[in-house]
ModelCIF file with pLDDT and N, C-alpha, C, O atoms, coordinates in Angstrom:
data_MODEL
#
_entry.id   MODEL 
#
_entity.id                         1 
_entity.type                       polymer 
_entity.pdbx_number_of_molecules   1 
#
_entity_poly.entity_id                      1 
_entity_poly.type                           'polypeptide(L)' 
_entity_poly.nstd_linkage                   no 
_entity_poly.nstd_monomer                   no 
_entity_poly.pdbx_seq_one_letter_code       LSQEEAASQKKLQQSKADYLSMKSRMQAAVAQLQLLGIQPEKLVGHG 
_entity_poly.pdbx_seq_one_letter_code_can   LSQEEAASQKKLQQSKADYLSMKSRMQAAVAQLQLLGIQPEKLVGHG 
_entity_poly.pdbx_strand_id                 A 
#
loop_
_entity_poly_seq.entity_id 
_entity_poly_seq.num 
_entity_poly_seq.mon_id 
_entity_poly_seq.hetero 
1 1  LEU n 
1 2  SER n 
1 3  GLN n 
1 4  GLU n 
1 5  GLU n 
1 6  ALA n 
1 7  ALA n 
1 8  SER n 
1 9  GLN n 
1 10 LYS n 
1 11 LYS n 
1 12 LEU n 
1 13 GLN n 
1 14 GLN n 
1 15 SER n 
1 16 LYS n 
1 17 ALA n 
1 18 ASP n 
1 19 TYR n 
1 20 LEU n 
1 21 SER n 
1 22 MET n 
1 23 LYS n 
1 24 SER n 
1 25 ARG n 
1 26 MET n 
1 27 GLN n 
1 28 ALA n 
1 29 ALA n 
1 30 VAL n 
1 31 ALA n 
1 32 GLN n 
1 33 LEU n 
1 34 GLN n 
1 35 LEU n 
1 36 LEU n 
1 37 GLY n 
1 38 ILE n 
1 39 GLN n 
1 40 PRO n 
1 41 GLU n 
1 42 LYS n 
1 43 LEU n 
1 44 VAL n 
1 45 GLY n 
1 46 HIS n 
1 47 GLY n 
#
_struct_asym.id          A 
_struct_asym.entity_id   1 
#
loop_
_ma_qa_metric.id 
_ma_qa_metric.mode 
_ma_qa_metric.name 
_ma_qa_metric.software_group_id 
_ma_qa_metric.type 
1 global pLDDT . pLDDT 
2 local  pLDDT . pLDDT 
#
_ma_qa_metric_global.metric_id      1 
_ma_qa_metric_global.metric_value   85.19 
_ma_qa_metric_global.model_id       1 
_ma_qa_metric_global.ordinal_id     1 
#
loop_
_ma_qa_metric_local.label_asym_id 
_ma_qa_metric_local.label_comp_id 
_ma_qa_metric_local.label_seq_id 
_ma_qa_metric_local.metric_id 
_ma_qa_metric_local.metric_value 
_ma_qa_metric_local.model_id 
_ma_qa_metric_local.ordinal_id 
A LEU 1  2 81.00 1 1  
A SER 2  2 77.00 1 2  
A GLN 3  2 75.00 1 3  
A GLU 4  2 68.00 1 4  
A GLU 5  2 69.00 1 5  
A ALA 6  2 58.00 1 6  
A ALA 7  2 59.00 1 7  
A SER 8  2 74.00 1 8  
A GLN 9  2 77.00 1 9  
A LYS 10 2 80.00 1 10 
A LYS 11 2 82.00 1 11 
A LEU 12 2 83.00 1 12 
A GLN 13 2 86.00 1 13 
A GLN 14 2 88.00 1 14 
A SER 15 2 88.00 1 15 
A LYS 16 2 89.00 1 16 
A ALA 17 2 92.00 1 17 
A ASP 18 2 91.00 1 18 
A TYR 19 2 90.00 1 19 
A LEU 20 2 93.00 1 20 
A SER 21 2 92.00 1 21 
A MET 22 2 93.00 1 22 
A LYS 23 2 92.00 1 23 
A SER 24 2 93.00 1 24 
A ARG 25 2 93.00 1 25 
A MET 26 2 93.00 1 26 
A GLN 27 2 93.00 1 27 
A ALA 28 2 93.00 1 28 
A ALA 29 2 92.00 1 29 
A VAL 30 2 93.00 1 30 
A ALA 31 2 93.00 1 31 
A GLN 32 2 91.00 1 32 
A LEU 33 2 91.00 1 33 
A GLN 34 2 90.00 1 34 
A LEU 35 2 88.00 1 35 
A LEU 36 2 88.00 1 36 
A GLY 37 2 84.00 1 37 
A ILE 38 2 87.00 1 38 
A GLN 39 2 87.00 1 39 
A PRO 40 2 88.00 1 40 
A GLU 41 2 85.00 1 41 
A LYS 42 2 85.00 1 42 
A LEU 43 2 87.00 1 43 
A VAL 44 2 84.00 1 44 
A GLY 45 2 81.00 1 45 
A HIS 46 2 83.00 1 46 
A GLY 47 2 85.00 1 47 
#
loop_
_atom_site.group_PDB 
_atom_site.id 
_atom_site.type_symbol 
_atom_site.label_atom_id 
_atom_site.label_alt_id 
_atom_site.label_comp_id 
_atom_site.label_asym_id 
_atom_site.label_entity_id 
_atom_site.label_seq_id 
_atom_site.pdbx_PDB_ins_code 
_atom_site.Cartn_x 
_atom_site.Cartn_y 
_atom_site.Cartn_z 
_atom_site.occupancy 
_atom_site.B_iso_or_equiv 
_atom_site.pdbx_formal_charge 
_atom_site.auth_seq_id 
_atom_site.auth_comp_id 
_atom_site.auth_asym_id 
_atom_site.auth_atom_id 
_atom_site.pdbx_PDB_model_num 
ATOM 1   N N  . LEU A 1 1  ? -3.457  21.114  -7.955  1.00 81.00 ? 1  LEU A N  1 
ATOM 2   C CA . LEU A 1 1  ? -2.163  21.270  -7.354  1.00 81.00 ? 1  LEU A CA 1 
ATOM 3   C C  . LEU A 1 1  ? -0.975  21.014  -8.247  1.00 81.00 ? 1  LEU A C  1 
ATOM 4   O O  . LEU A 1 1  ? 0.069   21.665  -8.205  1.00 81.00 ? 1  LEU A O  1 
ATOM 5   N N  . SER A 1 2  ? -1.282  19.791  -9.233  1.00 77.00 ? 2  SER A N  1 
ATOM 6   C CA . SER A 1 2  ? -0.284  19.793  -10.132 1.00 77.00 ? 2  SER A CA 1 
ATOM 7   C C  . SER A 1 2  ? -0.291  20.937  -11.195 1.00 77.00 ? 2  SER A C  1 
ATOM 8   O O  . SER A 1 2  ? 0.729   21.391  -11.713 1.00 77.00 ? 2  SER A O  1 
ATOM 9   N N  . GLN A 1 3  ? -1.362  21.282  -11.414 1.00 75.00 ? 3  GLN A N  1 
ATOM 10  C CA . GLN A 1 3  ? -1.330  22.459  -12.402 1.00 75.00 ? 3  GLN A CA 1 
ATOM 11  C C  . GLN A 1 3  ? -0.594  23.574  -12.006 1.00 75.00 ? 3  GLN A C  1 
ATOM 12  O O  . GLN A 1 3  ? 0.090   24.227  -12.794 1.00 75.00 ? 3  GLN A O  1 
ATOM 13  N N  . GLU A 1 4  ? -0.723  23.862  -10.619 1.00 68.00 ? 4  GLU A N  1 
ATOM 14  C CA . GLU A 1 4  ? -0.023  24.893  -10.027 1.00 68.00 ? 4  GLU A CA 1 
ATOM 15  C C  . GLU A 1 4  ? 1.415   24.667  -9.784  1.00 68.00 ? 4  GLU A C  1 
ATOM 16  O O  . GLU A 1 4  ? 2.179   25.590  -9.502  1.00 68.00 ? 4  GLU A O  1 
ATOM 17  N N  . GLU A 1 5  ? 1.764   23.484  -9.892  1.00 69.00 ? 5  GLU A N  1 
ATOM 18  C CA . GLU A 1 5  ? 3.244   22.922  -9.539  1.00 69.00 ? 5  GLU A CA 1 
ATOM 19  C C  . GLU A 1 5  ? 3.261   23.107  -8.089  1.00 69.00 ? 5  GLU A C  1 
ATOM 20  O O  . GLU A 1 5  ? 4.341   23.418  -7.586  1.00 69.00 ? 5  GLU A O  1 
ATOM 21  N N  . ALA A 1 6  ? 2.317   22.975  -7.394  1.00 58.00 ? 6  ALA A N  1 
ATOM 22  C CA . ALA A 1 6  ? 2.392   22.876  -5.970  1.00 58.00 ? 6  ALA A CA 1 
ATOM 23  C C  . ALA A 1 6  ? 2.476   21.222  -5.343  1.00 58.00 ? 6  ALA A C  1 
ATOM 24  O O  . ALA A 1 6  ? 2.566   20.986  -4.138  1.00 58.00 ? 6  ALA A O  1 
ATOM 25  N N  . ALA A 1 7  ? 2.433   20.298  -6.275  1.00 59.00 ? 7  ALA A N  1 
ATOM 26  C CA . ALA A 1 7  ? 2.426   18.768  -6.010  1.00 59.00 ? 7  ALA A CA 1 
ATOM 27  C C  . ALA A 1 7  ? 3.106   17.958  -6.748  1.00 59.00 ? 7  ALA A C  1 
ATOM 28  O O  . ALA A 1 7  ? 3.122   18.186  -7.957  1.00 59.00 ? 7  ALA A O  1 
ATOM 29  N N  . SER A 1 8  ? 3.719   16.998  -6.305  1.00 74.00 ? 8  SER A N  1 
ATOM 30  C CA . SER A 1 8  ? 4.442   16.184  -7.189  1.00 74.00 ? 8  SER A CA 1 
ATOM 31  C C  . SER A 1 8  ? 3.651   15.368  -8.273  1.00 74.00 ? 8  SER A C  1 
ATOM 32  O O  . SER A 1 8  ? 2.477   15.084  -8.031  1.00 74.00 ? 8  SER A O  1 
ATOM 33  N N  . GLN A 1 9  ? 4.186   15.004  -9.369  1.00 77.00 ? 9  GLN A N  1 
ATOM 34  C CA . GLN A 1 9  ? 3.418   13.933  -10.363 1.00 77.00 ? 9  GLN A CA 1 
ATOM 35  C C  . GLN A 1 9  ? 3.072   12.537  -9.568  1.00 77.00 ? 9  GLN A C  1 
ATOM 36  O O  . GLN A 1 9  ? 1.989   11.977  -9.737  1.00 77.00 ? 9  GLN A O  1 
ATOM 37  N N  . LYS A 1 10 ? 4.035   12.047  -8.729  1.00 80.00 ? 10 LYS A N  1 
ATOM 38  C CA . LYS A 1 10 ? 3.849   10.921  -8.159  1.00 80.00 ? 10 LYS A CA 1 
ATOM 39  C C  . LYS A 1 10 ? 2.487   10.920  -7.146  1.00 80.00 ? 10 LYS A C  1 
ATOM 40  O O  . LYS A 1 10 ? 1.747   9.937   -7.122  1.00 80.00 ? 10 LYS A O  1 
ATOM 41  N N  . LYS A 1 11 ? 2.250   12.023  -6.380  1.00 82.00 ? 11 LYS A N  1 
ATOM 42  C CA . LYS A 1 11 ? 0.918   12.000  -5.514  1.00 82.00 ? 11 LYS A CA 1 
ATOM 43  C C  . LYS A 1 11 ? -0.175  12.024  -6.608  1.00 82.00 ? 11 LYS A C  1 
ATOM 44  O O  . LYS A 1 11 ? -1.228  11.409  -6.439  1.00 82.00 ? 11 LYS A O  1 
ATOM 45  N N  . LEU A 1 12 ? 0.042   12.641  -7.580  1.00 83.00 ? 12 LEU A N  1 
ATOM 46  C CA . LEU A 1 12 ? -1.198  12.697  -8.580  1.00 83.00 ? 12 LEU A CA 1 
ATOM 47  C C  . LEU A 1 12 ? -1.366  11.413  -9.097  1.00 83.00 ? 12 LEU A C  1 
ATOM 48  O O  . LEU A 1 12 ? -2.518  10.991  -9.200  1.00 83.00 ? 12 LEU A O  1 
ATOM 49  N N  . GLN A 1 13 ? -0.284  10.607  -9.494  1.00 86.00 ? 13 GLN A N  1 
ATOM 50  C CA . GLN A 1 13 ? -0.614  9.191   -10.059 1.00 86.00 ? 13 GLN A CA 1 
ATOM 51  C C  . GLN A 1 13 ? -1.198  8.271   -8.987  1.00 86.00 ? 13 GLN A C  1 
ATOM 52  O O  . GLN A 1 13 ? -1.929  7.325   -9.279  1.00 86.00 ? 13 GLN A O  1 
ATOM 53  N N  . GLN A 1 14 ? -0.873  8.561   -7.816  1.00 88.00 ? 14 GLN A N  1 
ATOM 54  C CA . GLN A 1 14 ? -1.200  7.514   -6.562  1.00 88.00 ? 14 GLN A CA 1 
ATOM 55  C C  . GLN A 1 14 ? -2.620  7.816   -6.428  1.00 88.00 ? 14 GLN A C  1 
ATOM 56  O O  . GLN A 1 14 ? -3.438  6.932   -6.175  1.00 88.00 ? 14 GLN A O  1 
ATOM 57  N N  . SER A 1 15 ? -2.978  9.199   -6.613  1.00 88.00 ? 15 SER A N  1 
ATOM 58  C CA . SER A 1 15 ? -4.537  9.458   -6.187  1.00 88.00 ? 15 SER A CA 1 
ATOM 59  C C  . SER A 1 15 ? -5.370  8.946   -7.228  1.00 88.00 ? 15 SER A C  1 
ATOM 60  O O  . SER A 1 15 ? -6.447  8.385   -7.028  1.00 88.00 ? 15 SER A O  1 
ATOM 61  N N  . LYS A 1 16 ? -4.777  9.177   -8.499  1.00 89.00 ? 16 LYS A N  1 
ATOM 62  C CA . LYS A 1 16 ? -5.587  8.509   -9.772  1.00 89.00 ? 16 LYS A CA 1 
ATOM 63  C C  . LYS A 1 16 ? -5.731  7.178   -9.577  1.00 89.00 ? 16 LYS A C  1 
ATOM 64  O O  . LYS A 1 16 ? -6.806  6.693   -9.927  1.00 89.00 ? 16 LYS A O  1 
ATOM 65  N N  . ALA A 1 17 ? -4.813  6.385   -9.046  1.00 92.00 ? 17 ALA A N  1 
ATOM 66  C CA . ALA A 1 17 ? -4.851  4.900   -9.206  1.00 92.00 ? 17 ALA A CA 1 
ATOM 67  C C  . ALA A 1 17 ? -5.645  4.561   -8.010  1.00 92.00 ? 17 ALA A C  1 
ATOM 68  O O  . ALA A 1 17 ? -6.366  3.576   -8.167  1.00 92.00 ? 17 ALA A O  1 
ATOM 69  N N  . ASP A 1 18 ? -5.694  5.120   -6.875  1.00 91.00 ? 18 ASP A N  1 
ATOM 70  C CA . ASP A 1 18 ? -6.877  4.845   -5.706  1.00 91.00 ? 18 ASP A CA 1 
ATOM 71  C C  . ASP A 1 18 ? -8.272  5.258   -6.104  1.00 91.00 ? 18 ASP A C  1 
ATOM 72  O O  . ASP A 1 18 ? -9.276  4.763   -5.591  1.00 91.00 ? 18 ASP A O  1 
ATOM 73  N N  . TYR A 1 19 ? -8.288  5.985   -6.837  1.00 90.00 ? 19 TYR A N  1 
ATOM 74  C CA . TYR A 1 19 ? -9.800  6.522   -7.232  1.00 90.00 ? 19 TYR A CA 1 
ATOM 75  C C  . TYR A 1 19 ? -10.145 5.264   -8.409  1.00 90.00 ? 19 TYR A C  1 
ATOM 76  O O  . TYR A 1 19 ? -11.097 4.502   -8.237  1.00 90.00 ? 19 TYR A O  1 
ATOM 77  N N  . LEU A 1 20 ? -9.346  5.179   -9.469  1.00 93.00 ? 20 LEU A N  1 
ATOM 78  C CA . LEU A 1 20 ? -9.756  4.022   -10.263 1.00 93.00 ? 20 LEU A CA 1 
ATOM 79  C C  . LEU A 1 20 ? -10.113 2.681   -9.802  1.00 93.00 ? 20 LEU A C  1 
ATOM 80  O O  . LEU A 1 20 ? -11.080 2.010   -10.162 1.00 93.00 ? 20 LEU A O  1 
ATOM 81  N N  . SER A 1 21 ? -9.074  2.340   -8.839  1.00 92.00 ? 21 SER A N  1 
ATOM 82  C CA . SER A 1 21 ? -9.524  0.995   -8.027  1.00 92.00 ? 21 SER A CA 1 
ATOM 83  C C  . SER A 1 21 ? -10.592 0.995   -7.385  1.00 92.00 ? 21 SER A C  1 
ATOM 84  O O  . SER A 1 21 ? -11.314 0.016   -7.573  1.00 92.00 ? 21 SER A O  1 
ATOM 85  N N  . MET A 1 22 ? -10.987 1.869   -6.591  1.00 93.00 ? 22 MET A N  1 
ATOM 86  C CA . MET A 1 22 ? -12.142 1.979   -5.929  1.00 93.00 ? 22 MET A CA 1 
ATOM 87  C C  . MET A 1 22 ? -13.390 2.198   -6.765  1.00 93.00 ? 22 MET A C  1 
ATOM 88  O O  . MET A 1 22 ? -14.502 1.931   -6.308  1.00 93.00 ? 22 MET A O  1 
ATOM 89  N N  . LYS A 1 23 ? -13.222 2.657   -7.922  1.00 92.00 ? 23 LYS A N  1 
ATOM 90  C CA . LYS A 1 23 ? -14.431 2.879   -8.737  1.00 92.00 ? 23 LYS A CA 1 
ATOM 91  C C  . LYS A 1 23 ? -14.540 1.343   -9.385  1.00 92.00 ? 23 LYS A C  1 
ATOM 92  O O  . LYS A 1 23 ? -15.694 0.954   -9.567  1.00 92.00 ? 23 LYS A O  1 
ATOM 93  N N  . SER A 1 24 ? -13.743 0.666   -9.658  1.00 93.00 ? 24 SER A N  1 
ATOM 94  C CA . SER A 1 24 ? -13.873 -0.546  -10.076 1.00 93.00 ? 24 SER A CA 1 
ATOM 95  C C  . SER A 1 24 ? -14.574 -1.618  -8.992  1.00 93.00 ? 24 SER A C  1 
ATOM 96  O O  . SER A 1 24 ? -15.300 -2.540  -9.362  1.00 93.00 ? 24 SER A O  1 
ATOM 97  N N  . ARG A 1 25 ? -14.271 -1.371  -7.738  1.00 93.00 ? 25 ARG A N  1 
ATOM 98  C CA . ARG A 1 25 ? -14.633 -2.192  -6.754  1.00 93.00 ? 25 ARG A CA 1 
ATOM 99  C C  . ARG A 1 25 ? -16.255 -1.910  -6.728  1.00 93.00 ? 25 ARG A C  1 
ATOM 100 O O  . ARG A 1 25 ? -17.042 -2.848  -6.856  1.00 93.00 ? 25 ARG A O  1 
ATOM 101 N N  . MET A 1 26 ? -16.653 -0.692  -6.573  1.00 93.00 ? 26 MET A N  1 
ATOM 102 C CA . MET A 1 26 ? -17.977 -0.281  -6.461  1.00 93.00 ? 26 MET A CA 1 
ATOM 103 C C  . MET A 1 26 ? -18.711 -0.743  -7.716  1.00 93.00 ? 26 MET A C  1 
ATOM 104 O O  . MET A 1 26 ? -19.924 -0.942  -7.672  1.00 93.00 ? 26 MET A O  1 
ATOM 105 N N  . GLN A 1 27 ? -18.054 -0.906  -8.758  1.00 93.00 ? 27 GLN A N  1 
ATOM 106 C CA . GLN A 1 27 ? -18.903 -1.370  -10.111 1.00 93.00 ? 27 GLN A CA 1 
ATOM 107 C C  . GLN A 1 27 ? -19.271 -2.851  -9.840  1.00 93.00 ? 27 GLN A C  1 
ATOM 108 O O  . GLN A 1 27 ? -20.355 -3.395  -10.051 1.00 93.00 ? 27 GLN A O  1 
ATOM 109 N N  . ALA A 1 28 ? -18.252 -3.331  -9.378  1.00 93.00 ? 28 ALA A N  1 
ATOM 110 C CA . ALA A 1 28 ? -18.273 -4.813  -9.179  1.00 93.00 ? 28 ALA A CA 1 
ATOM 111 C C  . ALA A 1 28 ? -19.527 -5.314  -8.371  1.00 93.00 ? 28 ALA A C  1 
ATOM 112 O O  . ALA A 1 28 ? -20.338 -6.169  -8.728  1.00 93.00 ? 28 ALA A O  1 
ATOM 113 N N  . ALA A 1 29 ? -19.504 -4.559  -7.155  1.00 92.00 ? 29 ALA A N  1 
ATOM 114 C CA . ALA A 1 29 ? -20.598 -4.667  -6.168  1.00 92.00 ? 29 ALA A CA 1 
ATOM 115 C C  . ALA A 1 29 ? -22.057 -4.297  -6.647  1.00 92.00 ? 29 ALA A C  1 
ATOM 116 O O  . ALA A 1 29 ? -23.062 -4.862  -6.216  1.00 92.00 ? 29 ALA A O  1 
ATOM 117 N N  . VAL A 1 30 ? -22.063 -3.242  -7.624  1.00 93.00 ? 30 VAL A N  1 
ATOM 118 C CA . VAL A 1 30 ? -23.272 -2.895  -8.180  1.00 93.00 ? 30 VAL A CA 1 
ATOM 119 C C  . VAL A 1 30 ? -23.896 -3.960  -9.159  1.00 93.00 ? 30 VAL A C  1 
ATOM 120 O O  . VAL A 1 30 ? -25.102 -4.198  -9.233  1.00 93.00 ? 30 VAL A O  1 
ATOM 121 N N  . ALA A 1 31 ? -22.896 -4.577  -9.911  1.00 93.00 ? 31 ALA A N  1 
ATOM 122 C CA . ALA A 1 31 ? -23.151 -5.755  -10.678 1.00 93.00 ? 31 ALA A CA 1 
ATOM 123 C C  . ALA A 1 31 ? -23.800 -6.965  -10.005 1.00 93.00 ? 31 ALA A C  1 
ATOM 124 O O  . ALA A 1 31 ? -24.851 -7.512  -10.340 1.00 93.00 ? 31 ALA A O  1 
ATOM 125 N N  . GLN A 1 32 ? -22.948 -7.298  -8.947  1.00 91.00 ? 32 GLN A N  1 
ATOM 126 C CA . GLN A 1 32 ? -23.619 -8.377  -8.234  1.00 91.00 ? 32 GLN A CA 1 
ATOM 127 C C  . GLN A 1 32 ? -24.952 -8.226  -7.480  1.00 91.00 ? 32 GLN A C  1 
ATOM 128 O O  . GLN A 1 32 ? -25.681 -9.198  -7.282  1.00 91.00 ? 32 GLN A O  1 
ATOM 129 N N  . LEU A 1 33 ? -25.261 -6.948  -7.052  1.00 91.00 ? 33 LEU A N  1 
ATOM 130 C CA . LEU A 1 33 ? -26.390 -6.622  -6.402  1.00 91.00 ? 33 LEU A CA 1 
ATOM 131 C C  . LEU A 1 33 ? -27.537 -6.754  -7.734  1.00 91.00 ? 33 LEU A C  1 
ATOM 132 O O  . LEU A 1 33 ? -28.610 -7.332  -7.554  1.00 91.00 ? 33 LEU A O  1 
ATOM 133 N N  . GLN A 1 34 ? -27.262 -6.303  -8.731  1.00 90.00 ? 34 GLN A N  1 
ATOM 134 C CA . GLN A 1 34 ? -28.119 -6.280  -9.838  1.00 90.00 ? 34 GLN A CA 1 
ATOM 135 C C  . GLN A 1 34 ? -28.521 -7.714  -10.223 1.00 90.00 ? 34 GLN A C  1 
ATOM 136 O O  . GLN A 1 34 ? -29.698 -8.019  -10.419 1.00 90.00 ? 34 GLN A O  1 
ATOM 137 N N  . LEU A 1 35 ? -27.639 -8.466  -10.310 1.00 88.00 ? 35 LEU A N  1 
ATOM 138 C CA . LEU A 1 35 ? -28.003 -9.875  -10.539 1.00 88.00 ? 35 LEU A CA 1 
ATOM 139 C C  . LEU A 1 35 ? -28.839 -10.756 -9.582  1.00 88.00 ? 35 LEU A C  1 
ATOM 140 O O  . LEU A 1 35 ? -29.389 -11.834 -9.808  1.00 88.00 ? 35 LEU A O  1 
ATOM 141 N N  . LEU A 1 36 ? -28.790 -9.981  -8.403  1.00 88.00 ? 36 LEU A N  1 
ATOM 142 C CA . LEU A 1 36 ? -29.697 -10.661 -7.247  1.00 88.00 ? 36 LEU A CA 1 
ATOM 143 C C  . LEU A 1 36 ? -31.199 -9.619  -7.321  1.00 88.00 ? 36 LEU A C  1 
ATOM 144 O O  . LEU A 1 36 ? -32.006 -9.628  -6.391  1.00 88.00 ? 36 LEU A O  1 
ATOM 145 N N  . GLY A 1 37 ? -31.331 -9.023  -8.185  1.00 84.00 ? 37 GLY A N  1 
ATOM 146 C CA . GLY A 1 37 ? -32.462 -8.270  -8.231  1.00 84.00 ? 37 GLY A CA 1 
ATOM 147 C C  . GLY A 1 37 ? -32.619 -7.137  -7.369  1.00 84.00 ? 37 GLY A C  1 
ATOM 148 O O  . GLY A 1 37 ? -33.717 -6.729  -6.990  1.00 84.00 ? 37 GLY A O  1 
ATOM 149 N N  . ILE A 1 38 ? -31.459 -6.606  -7.044  1.00 87.00 ? 38 ILE A N  1 
ATOM 150 C CA . ILE A 1 38 ? -31.429 -5.425  -6.063  1.00 87.00 ? 38 ILE A CA 1 
ATOM 151 C C  . ILE A 1 38 ? -30.901 -4.142  -6.776  1.00 87.00 ? 38 ILE A C  1 
ATOM 152 O O  . ILE A 1 38 ? -29.870 -4.094  -7.447  1.00 87.00 ? 38 ILE A O  1 
ATOM 153 N N  . GLN A 1 39 ? -31.785 -3.078  -6.526  1.00 87.00 ? 39 GLN A N  1 
ATOM 154 C CA . GLN A 1 39 ? -31.077 -1.822  -7.084  1.00 87.00 ? 39 GLN A CA 1 
ATOM 155 C C  . GLN A 1 39 ? -30.370 -0.985  -6.026  1.00 87.00 ? 39 GLN A C  1 
ATOM 156 O O  . GLN A 1 39 ? -30.874 -0.559  -4.987  1.00 87.00 ? 39 GLN A O  1 
ATOM 157 N N  . PRO A 1 40 ? -29.119 -0.817  -6.457  1.00 88.00 ? 40 PRO A N  1 
ATOM 158 C CA . PRO A 1 40 ? -27.945 -0.267  -5.389  1.00 88.00 ? 40 PRO A CA 1 
ATOM 159 C C  . PRO A 1 40 ? -28.450 0.990   -4.980  1.00 88.00 ? 40 PRO A C  1 
ATOM 160 O O  . PRO A 1 40 ? -28.197 1.301   -3.816  1.00 88.00 ? 40 PRO A O  1 
ATOM 161 N N  . GLU A 1 41 ? -29.164 1.858   -5.725  1.00 85.00 ? 41 GLU A N  1 
ATOM 162 C CA . GLU A 1 41 ? -29.423 3.437   -5.298  1.00 85.00 ? 41 GLU A CA 1 
ATOM 163 C C  . GLU A 1 41 ? -30.292 3.252   -4.299  1.00 85.00 ? 41 GLU A C  1 
ATOM 164 O O  . GLU A 1 41 ? -30.285 4.111   -3.418  1.00 85.00 ? 41 GLU A O  1 
ATOM 165 N N  . LYS A 1 42 ? -31.242 2.114   -4.179  1.00 85.00 ? 42 LYS A N  1 
ATOM 166 C CA . LYS A 1 42 ? -32.257 2.201   -3.029  1.00 85.00 ? 42 LYS A CA 1 
ATOM 167 C C  . LYS A 1 42 ? -31.772 1.711   -1.543  1.00 85.00 ? 42 LYS A C  1 
ATOM 168 O O  . LYS A 1 42 ? -32.548 1.720   -0.587  1.00 85.00 ? 42 LYS A O  1 
ATOM 169 N N  . LEU A 1 43 ? -30.446 1.292   -1.448  1.00 87.00 ? 43 LEU A N  1 
ATOM 170 C CA . LEU A 1 43 ? -29.753 1.111   -0.296  1.00 87.00 ? 43 LEU A CA 1 
ATOM 171 C C  . LEU A 1 43 ? -29.259 2.250   0.372   1.00 87.00 ? 43 LEU A C  1 
ATOM 172 O O  . LEU A 1 43 ? -28.996 2.270   1.575   1.00 87.00 ? 43 LEU A O  1 
ATOM 173 N N  . VAL A 1 44 ? -29.103 3.415   -0.584  1.00 84.00 ? 44 VAL A N  1 
ATOM 174 C CA . VAL A 1 44 ? -28.637 4.609   0.134   1.00 84.00 ? 44 VAL A CA 1 
ATOM 175 C C  . VAL A 1 44 ? -29.594 5.162   0.935   1.00 84.00 ? 44 VAL A C  1 
ATOM 176 O O  . VAL A 1 44 ? -29.253 5.720   1.978   1.00 84.00 ? 44 VAL A O  1 
ATOM 177 N N  . GLY A 1 45 ? -30.875 5.086   0.569   1.00 81.00 ? 45 GLY A N  1 
ATOM 178 C CA . GLY A 1 45 ? -32.121 5.645   1.237   1.00 81.00 ? 45 GLY A CA 1 
ATOM 179 C C  . GLY A 1 45 ? -32.595 4.770   2.381   1.00 81.00 ? 45 GLY A C  1 
ATOM 180 O O  . GLY A 1 45 ? -32.868 5.187   3.506   1.00 81.00 ? 45 GLY A O  1 
ATOM 181 N N  . HIS A 1 46 ? -32.669 3.437   1.946   1.00 83.00 ? 46 HIS A N  1 
ATOM 182 C CA . HIS A 1 46 ? -33.136 2.278   2.926   1.00 83.00 ? 46 HIS A CA 1 
ATOM 183 C C  . HIS A 1 46 ? -32.268 1.727   3.840   1.00 83.00 ? 46 HIS A C  1 
ATOM 184 O O  . HIS A 1 46 ? -32.685 1.320   4.924   1.00 83.00 ? 46 HIS A O  1 
ATOM 185 N N  . GLY A 1 47 ? -31.183 1.672   3.548   1.00 85.00 ? 47 GLY A N  1 
ATOM 186 C CA . GLY A 1 47 ? -30.266 0.866   4.278   1.00 85.00 ? 47 GLY A CA 1 
ATOM 187 C C  . GLY A 1 47 ? -30.043 -0.466  3.906   1.00 85.00 ? 47 GLY A C  1 
ATOM 188 O O  . GLY A 1 47 ? -29.248 -1.160  4.540   1.00 85.00 ? 47 GLY A O  1 
#
């Protein structure tokens, strides 16, 4: 939308910040599970 000038730069920056923040949270959870000997990908299929 930003490339088509249909959205403001503020919304783009906010969307980018939310995405990067959630990505770091997931990476932290993955690291903690791996320290416990758990493969995070297996939780998706096995619960």
